[in-house]
Amino acid sequence: MIGVARNRRAECFTSEMSNQEVVMKNKLWIGAVLLVVSAAVVLVARPGMRDMGPGRARHAQGMFANENFVPVRLLLQAKDKIGLSAEQEKRLAAMEEAHEQWLITFRADMELNALKLRKSLEAEPLSMKDAEGLIRAQADMHAEMQIARLHFQQEAKAVLTAEQLDKLKELKKEFRDQARDGMRQRVERRMERRERMN
């Protein structure tokens, strides 16, 4: 009789442990998905080339090497170097403003979707159907943002003449060189600080 009771207690303990393991695994999986989705939202939600500072130099170098990348904000800042007409400047500024307004709204929608996904993943029991739908929606939104950015770049490129596009290539090369120099200087300063500390 005592042996039976012990066996029942052992079985209950084992089933509790396996239930706890399942719950723990689910929580780990949910945490991992939340982390990936949150990182994706943060990365995607960043504006393309706003306030290009030295901290974004490496990212900028890659983008500026792309022939199809037309940095509208940089174009407007360097309008005299490129030789933009008043009409071109006006068109590019209007395009930039419209795109920025769209991005603000779209980013807000992405963040709302990410919030819904977090809540869905925290729910007990977890609805796989809801979670999958929200994850797919997030991926679709990411794709939509990339496509919109590509359209915007091509529309901006179409405003420029062949001569201005050549000047833009030179300007992009200058920017890449400046970014590379800035990065090298930061590395040198970091090395000097480390040497002083040692």
N, C-alpha and C. Protein backbone atom coordinates (compact mmCIF):
# COMPACT_ATOMS: atom_id res chain seq x y z
N MET A 1 0.82 -1.20 0.00
CA MET A 1 0.00 0.00 0.00
C MET A 1 0.87 1.27 0.00
N ILE A 2 1.92 1.24 0.85
CA ILE A 2 2.82 2.39 0.92
C ILE A 2 3.56 2.56 -0.40
N GLY A 3 3.93 1.40 -1.02
CA GLY A 3 4.62 1.45 -2.32
C GLY A 3 3.76 2.04 -3.40
N VAL A 4 2.44 1.74 -3.40
CA VAL A 4 1.50 2.29 -4.39
C VAL A 4 1.39 3.80 -4.23
N ALA A 5 1.27 4.23 -2.97
CA ALA A 5 1.16 5.67 -2.70
C ALA A 5 2.41 6.41 -3.17
N ARG A 6 3.58 5.78 -2.91
CA ARG A 6 4.84 6.40 -3.34
C ARG A 6 4.88 6.51 -4.87
N ASN A 7 4.45 5.42 -5.55
CA ASN A 7 4.44 5.43 -7.01
C ASN A 7 3.52 6.51 -7.55
N ARG A 8 2.34 6.67 -6.92
CA ARG A 8 1.40 7.72 -7.37
C ARG A 8 2.00 9.11 -7.19
N ARG A 9 2.66 9.29 -6.01
CA ARG A 9 3.30 10.59 -5.75
C ARG A 9 4.40 10.85 -6.77
N ALA A 10 5.18 9.84 -7.09
CA ALA A 10 6.26 9.96 -8.07
C ALA A 10 5.70 10.28 -9.45
N GLU A 11 4.58 9.61 -9.82
CA GLU A 11 3.94 9.89 -11.12
C GLU A 11 3.44 11.33 -11.18
N CYS A 12 2.79 11.78 -10.09
CA CYS A 12 2.28 13.17 -10.04
C CYS A 12 3.43 14.17 -10.17
N PHE A 13 4.53 13.87 -9.43
CA PHE A 13 5.69 14.76 -9.47
C PHE A 13 6.28 14.80 -10.88
N THR A 14 6.36 13.63 -11.54
CA THR A 14 6.90 13.54 -12.91
C THR A 14 6.01 14.30 -13.87
N SER A 15 4.68 14.14 -13.75
CA SER A 15 3.78 14.85 -14.67
C SER A 15 3.82 16.35 -14.44
N GLU A 16 3.98 16.77 -13.13
CA GLU A 16 4.11 18.20 -12.84
C GLU A 16 5.39 18.74 -13.47
N MET A 17 6.48 17.96 -13.35
CA MET A 17 7.75 18.38 -13.94
C MET A 17 7.65 18.52 -15.45
N SER A 18 6.99 17.52 -16.11
CA SER A 18 6.89 17.60 -17.57
C SER A 18 6.00 18.76 -17.98
N ASN A 19 4.93 19.05 -17.20
CA ASN A 19 4.08 20.22 -17.49
C ASN A 19 4.88 21.51 -17.33
N GLN A 20 5.70 21.55 -16.27
CA GLN A 20 6.52 22.75 -16.05
C GLN A 20 7.53 22.92 -17.18
N GLU A 21 8.10 21.81 -17.64
CA GLU A 21 9.05 21.87 -18.75
C GLU A 21 8.38 22.40 -20.01
N VAL A 22 7.15 21.93 -20.28
CA VAL A 22 6.42 22.38 -21.47
C VAL A 22 6.14 23.88 -21.37
N VAL A 23 5.68 24.32 -20.18
CA VAL A 23 5.40 25.74 -19.98
C VAL A 23 6.67 26.56 -20.16
N MET A 24 7.78 26.06 -19.60
CA MET A 24 9.06 26.77 -19.72
C MET A 24 9.52 26.85 -21.17
N LYS A 25 9.38 25.75 -21.90
CA LYS A 25 9.77 25.75 -23.31
C LYS A 25 8.92 26.73 -24.10
N ASN A 26 7.61 26.75 -23.81
CA ASN A 26 6.71 27.70 -24.49
C ASN A 26 7.12 29.14 -24.21
N LYS A 27 7.46 29.41 -22.94
CA LYS A 27 7.86 30.77 -22.58
C LYS A 27 9.16 31.16 -23.28
N LEU A 28 10.11 30.22 -23.36
CA LEU A 28 11.36 30.50 -24.05
C LEU A 28 11.11 30.77 -25.53
N TRP A 29 10.26 29.97 -26.14
CA TRP A 29 9.94 30.15 -27.56
C TRP A 29 9.28 31.51 -27.78
N ILE A 30 8.32 31.85 -26.92
CA ILE A 30 7.62 33.14 -27.01
C ILE A 30 8.61 34.29 -26.85
N GLY A 31 9.51 34.16 -25.88
CA GLY A 31 10.52 35.20 -25.66
C GLY A 31 11.42 35.38 -26.88
N ALA A 32 11.82 34.27 -27.49
CA ALA A 32 12.68 34.34 -28.67
C ALA A 32 11.96 35.02 -29.83
N VAL A 33 10.70 34.65 -30.05
CA VAL A 33 9.93 35.27 -31.14
C VAL A 33 9.75 36.76 -30.88
N LEU A 34 9.43 37.12 -29.63
CA LEU A 34 9.27 38.54 -29.28
C LEU A 34 10.55 39.32 -29.55
N LEU A 35 11.67 38.73 -29.18
CA LEU A 35 12.96 39.40 -29.38
C LEU A 35 13.23 39.64 -30.86
N VAL A 36 13.00 38.63 -31.68
CA VAL A 36 13.24 38.75 -33.13
C VAL A 36 12.31 39.78 -33.74
N VAL A 37 11.03 39.71 -33.39
CA VAL A 37 10.05 40.65 -33.96
C VAL A 37 10.35 42.07 -33.52
N SER A 38 10.67 42.25 -32.24
CA SER A 38 10.99 43.60 -31.74
C SER A 38 12.20 44.17 -32.45
N ALA A 39 13.23 43.34 -32.63
CA ALA A 39 14.43 43.79 -33.34
C ALA A 39 14.10 44.18 -34.77
N ALA A 40 13.25 43.39 -35.41
CA ALA A 40 12.86 43.68 -36.80
C ALA A 40 12.12 45.01 -36.88
N VAL A 41 11.21 45.23 -35.93
CA VAL A 41 10.43 46.48 -35.93
C VAL A 41 11.34 47.67 -35.73
N VAL A 42 12.28 47.55 -34.79
CA VAL A 42 13.20 48.66 -34.53
C VAL A 42 14.05 48.96 -35.76
N LEU A 43 14.58 47.91 -36.40
CA LEU A 43 15.44 48.11 -37.57
C LEU A 43 14.68 48.68 -38.75
N VAL A 44 13.49 48.15 -38.98
CA VAL A 44 12.70 48.60 -40.13
C VAL A 44 12.16 49.99 -39.90
N ALA A 45 11.83 50.29 -38.65
CA ALA A 45 11.19 51.57 -38.36
C ALA A 45 12.14 52.75 -38.46
N ARG A 46 13.46 52.48 -38.55
CA ARG A 46 14.40 53.60 -38.68
C ARG A 46 14.25 54.27 -40.02
N PRO A 47 14.23 55.60 -40.04
CA PRO A 47 14.15 56.28 -41.34
C PRO A 47 15.40 55.99 -42.16
N GLY A 48 15.23 56.01 -43.49
CA GLY A 48 16.31 55.63 -44.39
C GLY A 48 17.60 56.37 -44.17
N MET A 49 17.60 57.67 -44.36
CA MET A 49 18.86 58.39 -44.29
C MET A 49 18.71 59.66 -43.46
N ARG A 50 17.88 59.65 -42.45
CA ARG A 50 17.68 60.86 -41.66
C ARG A 50 18.90 61.12 -40.79
N ASP A 51 19.34 62.36 -40.78
CA ASP A 51 20.45 62.78 -39.94
C ASP A 51 21.63 61.83 -40.01
N MET A 52 22.20 61.73 -41.19
CA MET A 52 23.32 60.81 -41.38
C MET A 52 24.52 61.30 -40.58
N GLY A 53 24.72 60.74 -39.43
CA GLY A 53 25.85 61.10 -38.59
C GLY A 53 26.96 60.08 -38.72
N PRO A 54 28.08 60.31 -38.05
CA PRO A 54 29.20 59.38 -38.17
C PRO A 54 28.87 57.99 -37.63
N GLY A 55 27.93 57.88 -36.71
CA GLY A 55 27.56 56.58 -36.16
C GLY A 55 26.93 55.65 -37.17
N ARG A 56 26.48 56.21 -38.29
CA ARG A 56 25.86 55.39 -39.31
C ARG A 56 26.75 55.23 -40.53
N ALA A 57 28.02 55.52 -40.36
CA ALA A 57 28.93 55.55 -41.51
C ALA A 57 28.97 54.24 -42.27
N ARG A 58 29.09 53.11 -41.56
CA ARG A 58 29.22 51.83 -42.24
C ARG A 58 27.96 51.52 -43.03
N HIS A 59 26.79 51.79 -42.42
CA HIS A 59 25.51 51.57 -43.08
C HIS A 59 25.41 52.48 -44.32
N ALA A 60 25.86 53.70 -44.15
CA ALA A 60 25.80 54.67 -45.25
C ALA A 60 26.69 54.27 -46.40
N GLN A 61 27.88 53.75 -46.08
CA GLN A 61 28.80 53.37 -47.15
C GLN A 61 28.16 52.33 -48.07
N GLY A 62 27.49 51.35 -47.47
CA GLY A 62 26.83 50.31 -48.27
C GLY A 62 25.72 50.89 -49.12
N MET A 63 24.93 51.78 -48.55
CA MET A 63 23.82 52.37 -49.29
C MET A 63 24.31 53.28 -50.40
N PHE A 64 25.37 54.04 -50.11
CA PHE A 64 25.87 54.98 -51.10
C PHE A 64 26.58 54.28 -52.25
N ALA A 65 26.99 53.03 -52.04
CA ALA A 65 27.63 52.28 -53.12
C ALA A 65 26.59 51.78 -54.12
N ASN A 66 25.33 51.75 -53.72
CA ASN A 66 24.24 51.27 -54.57
C ASN A 66 23.90 52.34 -55.60
N GLU A 67 23.96 51.99 -56.88
CA GLU A 67 23.68 52.95 -57.96
C GLU A 67 22.24 53.47 -57.91
N ASN A 68 21.30 52.64 -57.44
CA ASN A 68 19.89 53.03 -57.44
C ASN A 68 19.50 53.85 -56.22
N PHE A 69 20.42 54.01 -55.28
CA PHE A 69 20.11 54.78 -54.08
C PHE A 69 20.28 56.27 -54.35
N VAL A 70 19.20 57.02 -54.22
CA VAL A 70 19.23 58.47 -54.45
C VAL A 70 18.87 59.15 -53.14
N PRO A 71 19.87 59.68 -52.42
CA PRO A 71 19.61 60.32 -51.12
C PRO A 71 19.00 61.71 -51.31
N VAL A 72 17.67 61.78 -51.28
CA VAL A 72 16.96 63.03 -51.58
C VAL A 72 17.36 64.15 -50.64
N ARG A 73 17.48 63.83 -49.36
CA ARG A 73 17.86 64.86 -48.39
C ARG A 73 19.25 65.43 -48.72
N LEU A 74 20.17 64.55 -49.08
CA LEU A 74 21.52 64.99 -49.46
C LEU A 74 21.47 65.81 -50.75
N LEU A 75 20.63 65.39 -51.69
CA LEU A 75 20.46 66.14 -52.95
C LEU A 75 20.04 67.58 -52.66
N LEU A 76 19.07 67.72 -51.77
CA LEU A 76 18.55 69.05 -51.45
C LEU A 76 19.60 69.89 -50.72
N GLN A 77 20.41 69.24 -49.88
CA GLN A 77 21.46 69.98 -49.17
C GLN A 77 22.57 70.41 -50.12
N ALA A 78 22.83 69.58 -51.14
CA ALA A 78 23.91 69.88 -52.09
C ALA A 78 23.35 70.33 -53.44
N LYS A 79 22.24 71.04 -53.42
CA LYS A 79 21.54 71.43 -54.66
C LYS A 79 22.43 72.25 -55.59
N ASP A 80 23.31 73.09 -55.02
CA ASP A 80 24.17 73.92 -55.86
C ASP A 80 25.26 73.08 -56.54
N LYS A 81 25.80 72.10 -55.80
CA LYS A 81 26.84 71.22 -56.37
C LYS A 81 26.28 70.39 -57.52
N ILE A 82 25.05 69.94 -57.35
CA ILE A 82 24.44 69.07 -58.37
C ILE A 82 23.81 69.90 -59.48
N GLY A 83 23.45 71.12 -59.15
CA GLY A 83 22.85 72.01 -60.15
C GLY A 83 21.35 71.80 -60.31
N LEU A 84 20.65 71.64 -59.18
CA LEU A 84 19.19 71.48 -59.24
C LEU A 84 18.54 72.80 -59.62
N SER A 85 17.53 72.72 -60.48
CA SER A 85 16.74 73.91 -60.80
C SER A 85 15.75 74.13 -59.66
N ALA A 86 15.14 75.31 -59.64
CA ALA A 86 14.15 75.63 -58.60
C ALA A 86 12.98 74.64 -58.69
N GLU A 87 12.59 74.28 -59.91
CA GLU A 87 11.47 73.34 -60.11
C GLU A 87 11.84 71.95 -59.59
N GLN A 88 13.05 71.49 -59.89
CA GLN A 88 13.50 70.18 -59.40
C GLN A 88 13.55 70.16 -57.87
N GLU A 89 14.07 71.24 -57.32
CA GLU A 89 14.17 71.34 -55.86
C GLU A 89 12.78 71.25 -55.23
N LYS A 90 11.83 71.97 -55.83
CA LYS A 90 10.46 71.98 -55.32
C LYS A 90 9.84 70.58 -55.40
N ARG A 91 10.03 69.90 -56.54
CA ARG A 91 9.46 68.55 -56.72
C ARG A 91 10.07 67.56 -55.74
N LEU A 92 11.39 67.60 -55.59
CA LEU A 92 12.08 66.67 -54.68
C LEU A 92 11.67 66.92 -53.22
N ALA A 93 11.55 68.19 -52.85
CA ALA A 93 11.14 68.52 -51.47
C ALA A 93 9.73 68.01 -51.20
N ALA A 94 8.82 68.17 -52.18
CA ALA A 94 7.44 67.69 -52.02
C ALA A 94 7.41 66.16 -51.92
N MET A 95 8.22 65.50 -52.75
CA MET A 95 8.29 64.03 -52.71
C MET A 95 8.82 63.55 -51.36
N GLU A 96 9.87 64.22 -50.88
CA GLU A 96 10.48 63.85 -49.59
C GLU A 96 9.46 64.00 -48.46
N GLU A 97 8.73 65.11 -48.46
CA GLU A 97 7.74 65.36 -47.40
C GLU A 97 6.62 64.32 -47.45
N ALA A 98 6.12 64.02 -48.65
CA ALA A 98 5.05 63.02 -48.78
C ALA A 98 5.53 61.65 -48.31
N HIS A 99 6.77 61.30 -48.67
CA HIS A 99 7.31 60.00 -48.26
C HIS A 99 7.49 59.94 -46.74
N GLU A 100 7.99 61.01 -46.15
CA GLU A 100 8.18 61.06 -44.70
C GLU A 100 6.84 60.92 -43.97
N GLN A 101 5.81 61.61 -44.48
CA GLN A 101 4.48 61.52 -43.85
C GLN A 101 3.96 60.09 -43.92
N TRP A 102 4.14 59.45 -45.08
CA TRP A 102 3.71 58.07 -45.23
C TRP A 102 4.47 57.16 -44.26
N LEU A 103 5.79 57.37 -44.15
CA LEU A 103 6.61 56.56 -43.26
C LEU A 103 6.17 56.67 -41.81
N ILE A 104 5.86 57.88 -41.37
CA ILE A 104 5.42 58.08 -39.98
C ILE A 104 4.18 57.26 -39.69
N THR A 105 3.20 57.35 -40.57
CA THR A 105 1.96 56.59 -40.40
C THR A 105 2.22 55.10 -40.47
N PHE A 106 3.04 54.69 -41.43
CA PHE A 106 3.29 53.27 -41.63
C PHE A 106 4.05 52.67 -40.45
N ARG A 107 5.04 53.43 -39.93
CA ARG A 107 5.79 52.95 -38.76
C ARG A 107 4.86 52.77 -37.57
N ALA A 108 3.92 53.70 -37.40
CA ALA A 108 2.97 53.59 -36.29
C ALA A 108 2.14 52.31 -36.45
N ASP A 109 1.69 52.02 -37.68
CA ASP A 109 0.94 50.79 -37.93
C ASP A 109 1.78 49.55 -37.61
N MET A 110 3.07 49.60 -37.97
CA MET A 110 3.96 48.47 -37.67
C MET A 110 4.12 48.26 -36.17
N GLU A 111 4.26 49.36 -35.45
CA GLU A 111 4.42 49.25 -34.00
C GLU A 111 3.15 48.72 -33.34
N LEU A 112 1.98 49.15 -33.85
CA LEU A 112 0.72 48.61 -33.34
C LEU A 112 0.62 47.12 -33.60
N ASN A 113 1.03 46.71 -34.79
CA ASN A 113 1.00 45.28 -35.12
C ASN A 113 1.95 44.50 -34.22
N ALA A 114 3.12 45.08 -33.95
CA ALA A 114 4.09 44.42 -33.06
C ALA A 114 3.53 44.30 -31.64
N LEU A 115 2.80 45.31 -31.20
CA LEU A 115 2.17 45.28 -29.87
C LEU A 115 1.13 44.16 -29.82
N LYS A 116 0.30 44.08 -30.87
CA LYS A 116 -0.70 43.00 -30.94
C LYS A 116 -0.02 41.64 -30.89
N LEU A 117 1.09 41.52 -31.60
CA LEU A 117 1.81 40.25 -31.63
C LEU A 117 2.35 39.91 -30.24
N ARG A 118 2.93 40.90 -29.55
CA ARG A 118 3.43 40.65 -28.19
C ARG A 118 2.31 40.16 -27.28
N LYS A 119 1.16 40.83 -27.36
CA LYS A 119 0.01 40.44 -26.52
C LYS A 119 -0.46 39.04 -26.88
N SER A 120 -0.47 38.74 -28.16
CA SER A 120 -0.90 37.41 -28.63
C SER A 120 0.04 36.33 -28.10
N LEU A 121 1.34 36.61 -28.11
CA LEU A 121 2.32 35.63 -27.66
C LEU A 121 2.32 35.44 -26.14
N GLU A 122 1.86 36.47 -25.42
CA GLU A 122 1.79 36.38 -23.96
C GLU A 122 0.52 35.69 -23.49
N ALA A 123 -0.45 35.55 -24.39
CA ALA A 123 -1.75 34.98 -24.01
C ALA A 123 -1.61 33.51 -23.62
N GLU A 124 -2.42 33.10 -22.65
CA GLU A 124 -2.50 31.69 -22.24
C GLU A 124 -3.94 31.25 -22.44
N PRO A 125 -4.24 30.26 -23.24
CA PRO A 125 -3.30 29.53 -24.08
C PRO A 125 -2.93 30.33 -25.32
N LEU A 126 -1.80 29.98 -25.89
CA LEU A 126 -1.30 30.66 -27.09
C LEU A 126 -2.11 30.22 -28.31
N SER A 127 -2.60 31.19 -29.08
CA SER A 127 -3.31 30.87 -30.32
C SER A 127 -2.30 30.93 -31.46
N MET A 128 -1.89 29.77 -31.94
CA MET A 128 -0.91 29.71 -33.03
C MET A 128 -1.43 30.42 -34.27
N LYS A 129 -2.73 30.27 -34.54
CA LYS A 129 -3.32 30.89 -35.74
C LYS A 129 -3.17 32.41 -35.69
N ASP A 130 -3.52 33.00 -34.53
CA ASP A 130 -3.40 34.46 -34.37
C ASP A 130 -1.93 34.90 -34.48
N ALA A 131 -1.05 34.17 -33.77
CA ALA A 131 0.37 34.53 -33.76
C ALA A 131 0.96 34.44 -35.17
N GLU A 132 0.65 33.37 -35.88
CA GLU A 132 1.17 33.21 -37.25
C GLU A 132 0.68 34.32 -38.15
N GLY A 133 -0.61 34.65 -38.03
CA GLY A 133 -1.17 35.73 -38.86
C GLY A 133 -0.48 37.06 -38.61
N LEU A 134 -0.22 37.36 -37.33
CA LEU A 134 0.43 38.63 -36.99
C LEU A 134 1.89 38.65 -37.42
N ILE A 135 2.57 37.51 -37.32
CA ILE A 135 3.98 37.43 -37.77
C ILE A 135 4.04 37.62 -39.28
N ARG A 136 3.12 36.99 -40.01
CA ARG A 136 3.08 37.15 -41.47
C ARG A 136 2.75 38.60 -41.84
N ALA A 137 1.83 39.21 -41.10
CA ALA A 137 1.47 40.61 -41.35
C ALA A 137 2.68 41.51 -41.16
N GLN A 138 3.49 41.23 -40.13
CA GLN A 138 4.69 42.02 -39.87
C GLN A 138 5.69 41.89 -41.02
N ALA A 139 5.85 40.65 -41.50
CA ALA A 139 6.77 40.41 -42.62
C ALA A 139 6.27 41.12 -43.88
N ASP A 140 4.95 41.09 -44.12
CA ASP A 140 4.37 41.77 -45.28
C ASP A 140 4.58 43.28 -45.18
N MET A 141 4.44 43.82 -43.97
CA MET A 141 4.63 45.26 -43.78
C MET A 141 6.09 45.64 -44.04
N HIS A 142 7.00 44.80 -43.59
CA HIS A 142 8.42 45.05 -43.85
C HIS A 142 8.68 45.09 -45.36
N ALA A 143 8.11 44.13 -46.08
CA ALA A 143 8.29 44.08 -47.54
C ALA A 143 7.67 45.32 -48.18
N GLU A 144 6.49 45.71 -47.71
CA GLU A 144 5.81 46.89 -48.27
C GLU A 144 6.65 48.15 -48.08
N MET A 145 7.30 48.26 -46.92
CA MET A 145 8.14 49.43 -46.66
C MET A 145 9.34 49.45 -47.60
N GLN A 146 9.97 48.30 -47.81
CA GLN A 146 11.12 48.22 -48.71
C GLN A 146 10.72 48.58 -50.14
N ILE A 147 9.57 48.09 -50.58
CA ILE A 147 9.09 48.36 -51.94
C ILE A 147 8.77 49.85 -52.10
N ALA A 148 8.13 50.44 -51.08
CA ALA A 148 7.80 51.88 -51.13
C ALA A 148 9.08 52.71 -51.20
N ARG A 149 10.10 52.30 -50.44
CA ARG A 149 11.38 53.02 -50.46
C ARG A 149 12.02 52.95 -51.85
N LEU A 150 11.94 51.76 -52.48
CA LEU A 150 12.50 51.58 -53.82
C LEU A 150 11.77 52.46 -54.84
N HIS A 151 10.43 52.49 -54.76
CA HIS A 151 9.64 53.35 -55.66
C HIS A 151 10.04 54.82 -55.48
N PHE A 152 10.16 55.22 -54.21
CA PHE A 152 10.52 56.61 -53.91
C PHE A 152 11.88 56.95 -54.52
N GLN A 153 12.85 56.03 -54.37
CA GLN A 153 14.18 56.26 -54.92
C GLN A 153 14.15 56.40 -56.44
N GLN A 154 13.38 55.54 -57.10
CA GLN A 154 13.31 55.58 -58.56
C GLN A 154 12.60 56.85 -59.06
N GLU A 155 11.58 57.27 -58.33
CA GLU A 155 10.87 58.51 -58.70
C GLU A 155 11.80 59.72 -58.54
N ALA A 156 12.59 59.72 -57.48
CA ALA A 156 13.54 60.82 -57.26
C ALA A 156 14.61 60.82 -58.35
N LYS A 157 15.07 59.64 -58.72
CA LYS A 157 16.10 59.52 -59.76
C LYS A 157 15.57 60.06 -61.10
N ALA A 158 14.29 59.83 -61.36
CA ALA A 158 13.69 60.27 -62.63
C ALA A 158 13.62 61.79 -62.75
N VAL A 159 13.70 62.50 -61.63
CA VAL A 159 13.65 63.98 -61.64
C VAL A 159 14.97 64.56 -62.16
N LEU A 160 16.06 63.79 -62.01
CA LEU A 160 17.39 64.30 -62.36
C LEU A 160 17.76 64.06 -63.81
N THR A 161 18.60 64.94 -64.35
CA THR A 161 19.13 64.76 -65.71
C THR A 161 20.33 63.80 -65.65
N ALA A 162 20.78 63.34 -66.81
CA ALA A 162 21.94 62.43 -66.88
C ALA A 162 23.18 63.10 -66.27
N GLU A 163 23.35 64.38 -66.55
CA GLU A 163 24.50 65.13 -66.03
C GLU A 163 24.44 65.21 -64.49
N GLN A 164 23.23 65.46 -63.97
CA GLN A 164 23.07 65.54 -62.52
C GLN A 164 23.30 64.18 -61.85
N LEU A 165 22.91 63.11 -62.53
CA LEU A 165 23.15 61.76 -61.99
C LEU A 165 24.65 61.49 -61.90
N ASP A 166 25.42 61.99 -62.89
CA ASP A 166 26.88 61.84 -62.84
C ASP A 166 27.46 62.62 -61.66
N LYS A 167 26.94 63.83 -61.45
CA LYS A 167 27.40 64.63 -60.31
C LYS A 167 27.03 63.96 -58.99
N LEU A 168 25.86 63.31 -58.98
CA LEU A 168 25.42 62.60 -57.78
C LEU A 168 26.39 61.44 -57.46
N LYS A 169 26.84 60.75 -58.51
CA LYS A 169 27.81 59.65 -58.30
C LYS A 169 29.07 60.18 -57.62
N GLU A 170 29.55 61.34 -58.08
CA GLU A 170 30.74 61.94 -57.49
C GLU A 170 30.49 62.32 -56.03
N LEU A 171 29.31 62.88 -55.78
CA LEU A 171 28.94 63.29 -54.42
C LEU A 171 28.86 62.08 -53.48
N LYS A 172 28.29 60.99 -53.99
CA LYS A 172 28.19 59.77 -53.19
C LYS A 172 29.58 59.21 -52.89
N LYS A 173 30.49 59.30 -53.87
CA LYS A 173 31.87 58.83 -53.65
C LYS A 173 32.54 59.68 -52.57
N GLU A 174 32.33 61.00 -52.64
CA GLU A 174 32.88 61.90 -51.62
C GLU A 174 32.36 61.52 -50.23
N PHE A 175 31.07 61.26 -50.15
CA PHE A 175 30.45 60.91 -48.88
C PHE A 175 31.03 59.60 -48.35
N ARG A 176 31.20 58.60 -49.23
CA ARG A 176 31.78 57.32 -48.82
C ARG A 176 33.19 57.53 -48.27
N ASP A 177 33.98 58.37 -48.97
CA ASP A 177 35.35 58.64 -48.53
C ASP A 177 35.35 59.33 -47.16
N GLN A 178 34.44 60.30 -46.98
CA GLN A 178 34.34 61.00 -45.69
C GLN A 178 33.94 60.03 -44.58
N ALA A 179 32.97 59.16 -44.89
CA ALA A 179 32.52 58.18 -43.90
C ALA A 179 33.66 57.24 -43.52
N ARG A 180 34.45 56.82 -44.52
CA ARG A 180 35.57 55.92 -44.28
C ARG A 180 36.62 56.62 -43.41
N ASP A 181 36.91 57.89 -43.75
CA ASP A 181 37.89 58.65 -42.97
C ASP A 181 37.41 58.84 -41.53
N GLY A 182 36.13 59.16 -41.38
CA GLY A 182 35.55 59.34 -40.05
C GLY A 182 35.65 58.07 -39.22
N MET A 183 35.38 56.93 -39.86
CA MET A 183 35.45 55.66 -39.16
C MET A 183 36.90 55.36 -38.75
N ARG A 184 37.85 55.63 -39.65
CA ARG A 184 39.26 55.38 -39.35
C ARG A 184 39.71 56.26 -38.17
N GLN A 185 39.27 57.53 -38.16
CA GLN A 185 39.64 58.44 -37.08
C GLN A 185 39.07 57.97 -35.74
N ARG A 186 37.82 57.46 -35.76
CA ARG A 186 37.21 56.96 -34.52
C ARG A 186 37.96 55.74 -33.99
N VAL A 187 38.37 54.87 -34.90
CA VAL A 187 39.14 53.67 -34.50
C VAL A 187 40.47 54.10 -33.89
N GLU A 188 41.14 55.07 -34.52
CA GLU A 188 42.43 55.55 -34.01
C GLU A 188 42.27 56.17 -32.62
N ARG A 189 41.20 56.97 -32.42
CA ARG A 189 40.96 57.59 -31.11
C ARG A 189 40.70 56.52 -30.05
N ARG A 190 39.93 55.49 -30.43
CA ARG A 190 39.64 54.39 -29.50
C ARG A 190 40.93 53.68 -29.09
N MET A 191 41.82 53.44 -30.08
CA MET A 191 43.10 52.76 -29.81
C MET A 191 43.97 53.61 -28.88
N GLU A 192 43.97 54.94 -29.12
CA GLU A 192 44.76 55.84 -28.28
C GLU A 192 44.26 55.81 -26.83
N ARG A 193 42.91 55.81 -26.68
CA ARG A 193 42.33 55.77 -25.32
C ARG A 193 42.71 54.48 -24.61
N ARG A 194 42.68 53.36 -25.34
CA ARG A 194 43.03 52.08 -24.74
C ARG A 194 44.50 52.07 -24.31
N GLU A 195 45.37 52.64 -25.17
CA GLU A 195 46.78 52.68 -24.84
C GLU A 195 47.03 53.52 -23.58
N ARG A 196 46.29 54.65 -23.47
CA ARG A 196 46.44 55.50 -22.27
C ARG A 196 45.98 54.77 -21.02
N MET A 197 44.93 53.96 -21.16
CA MET A 197 44.40 53.24 -20.00
C MET A 197 45.35 52.12 -19.55
N ASN A 198 46.15 51.58 -20.48
CA ASN A 198 47.10 50.48 -20.15
C ASN A 198 48.38 50.99 -19.62
